[in-house]
Amino acid sequence: MEIRPHAEADAQATLSVFLAAVTETASAHYSAEQIAAWARPDERDINQWNSARKLLNTFVATIGDEVAGFSDVGDDGYIETTLPLWNW
């Protein structure tokens, strides 16, 4: 496993990871309405998603050449969760 800064080429893979996390992994804990409001797959623009990843200092975890996960990291080195998810 490697952890590295997000690159523009990672945008589609990180969006896919996000959507899978919301619609599959978290689905046991949220209603269908909550999942639909959170995921909004038809409203996601890959360019906006990529811009948000740059703004939020995103790092990706890869296994081989495949993105396995990602996280936004604050200047202090901690996972950043202060910006609202719905802004991107």
Protein backbone atom coordinates (compact mmCIF):
# COMPACT_ATOMS: atom_id res chain seq x y z
CA MET A 1 0.00 0.00 0.00
CA GLU A 2 1.18 3.50 -0.81
CA ILE A 3 -0.21 6.81 0.45
CA ARG A 4 0.40 9.82 -1.74
CA PRO A 5 -1.13 13.19 -2.65
CA HIS A 6 -4.19 13.11 -4.88
CA ALA A 7 -3.48 13.65 -8.57
CA GLU A 8 -5.94 14.82 -11.21
CA ALA A 9 -5.89 11.32 -12.70
CA ASP A 10 -7.32 10.02 -9.38
CA ALA A 11 -10.55 12.04 -9.61
CA GLN A 12 -12.77 9.33 -11.10
CA ALA A 13 -11.39 6.62 -8.83
CA THR A 14 -11.83 8.68 -5.65
CA LEU A 15 -15.36 9.64 -6.68
CA SER A 16 -16.13 5.95 -7.23
CA VAL A 17 -14.73 5.09 -3.79
CA PHE A 18 -16.87 7.85 -2.23
CA LEU A 19 -20.04 6.69 -3.96
CA ALA A 20 -19.41 3.05 -2.99
CA ALA A 21 -18.79 4.06 0.61
CA VAL A 22 -22.05 5.99 0.76
CA THR A 23 -24.30 3.65 -1.22
CA GLU A 24 -22.85 0.31 -0.13
CA THR A 25 -20.74 0.48 3.03
CA ALA A 26 -22.88 3.00 4.92
CA SER A 27 -26.21 1.79 3.55
CA ALA A 28 -26.98 -0.33 6.61
CA HIS A 29 -26.89 2.77 8.82
CA TYR A 30 -28.91 5.28 6.77
CA SER A 31 -32.29 5.46 5.07
CA ALA A 32 -32.57 5.41 1.29
CA GLU A 33 -33.47 9.11 1.38
CA GLN A 34 -30.38 9.97 3.42
CA ILE A 35 -28.12 7.97 1.09
CA ALA A 36 -29.62 9.63 -1.99
CA ALA A 37 -29.13 13.09 -0.46
CA TRP A 38 -25.55 12.33 0.49
CA ALA A 39 -24.42 10.51 -2.65
CA ARG A 40 -26.15 12.58 -5.38
CA PRO A 41 -24.36 10.60 -8.14
CA ASP A 42 -26.20 12.35 -10.98
CA GLU A 43 -25.15 15.77 -9.66
CA ARG A 44 -21.44 15.06 -9.31
CA ASP A 45 -19.21 16.86 -11.77
CA ILE A 46 -15.76 15.29 -12.08
CA ASN A 47 -14.06 18.67 -12.56
CA GLN A 48 -15.68 20.08 -9.40
CA TRP A 49 -14.78 16.90 -7.55
CA ASN A 50 -11.15 17.22 -8.65
CA SER A 51 -11.05 20.91 -7.66
CA ALA A 52 -12.39 20.02 -4.22
CA ARG A 53 -9.73 17.35 -3.79
CA LYS A 54 -7.05 19.98 -4.47
CA LEU A 55 -8.65 22.48 -2.10
CA LEU A 56 -9.06 19.90 0.66
CA ASN A 57 -5.51 18.50 0.46
CA THR A 58 -6.62 14.98 -0.38
CA PHE A 59 -4.34 11.97 -0.06
CA VAL A 60 -5.05 8.62 -1.68
CA ALA A 61 -4.18 5.12 -0.59
CA THR A 62 -3.31 2.81 -3.46
CA ILE A 63 -2.74 -0.91 -3.72
CA GLY A 64 -0.73 -1.46 -6.85
CA ASP A 65 -2.16 0.98 -9.36
CA GLU A 66 -5.67 0.98 -7.86
CA VAL A 67 -7.07 3.64 -5.52
CA ALA A 68 -8.31 1.88 -2.39
CA GLY A 69 -9.30 4.94 -0.37
CA PHE A 70 -8.74 8.62 0.25
CA SER A 71 -8.88 11.25 2.95
CA ASP A 72 -8.61 15.01 3.25
CA VAL A 73 -5.75 16.10 5.51
CA GLY A 74 -5.51 19.40 7.35
CA ASP A 75 -2.37 21.50 7.68
CA ASP A 76 -1.88 19.95 11.12
CA GLY A 77 -1.67 16.46 9.61
CA TYR A 78 -5.04 15.32 10.96
CA ILE A 79 -8.01 14.14 8.93
CA GLU A 80 -9.92 17.25 7.88
CA THR A 81 -13.69 17.23 8.27
CA THR A 82 -14.52 20.91 8.81
CA LEU A 83 -15.67 21.83 5.29
CA PRO A 84 -19.24 20.83 4.40
CA LEU A 85 -19.37 17.90 2.00
CA TRP A 86 -22.27 19.35 0.06
CA ASN A 87 -20.23 22.31 -1.24
CA TRP A 88 -18.64 20.19 -3.96
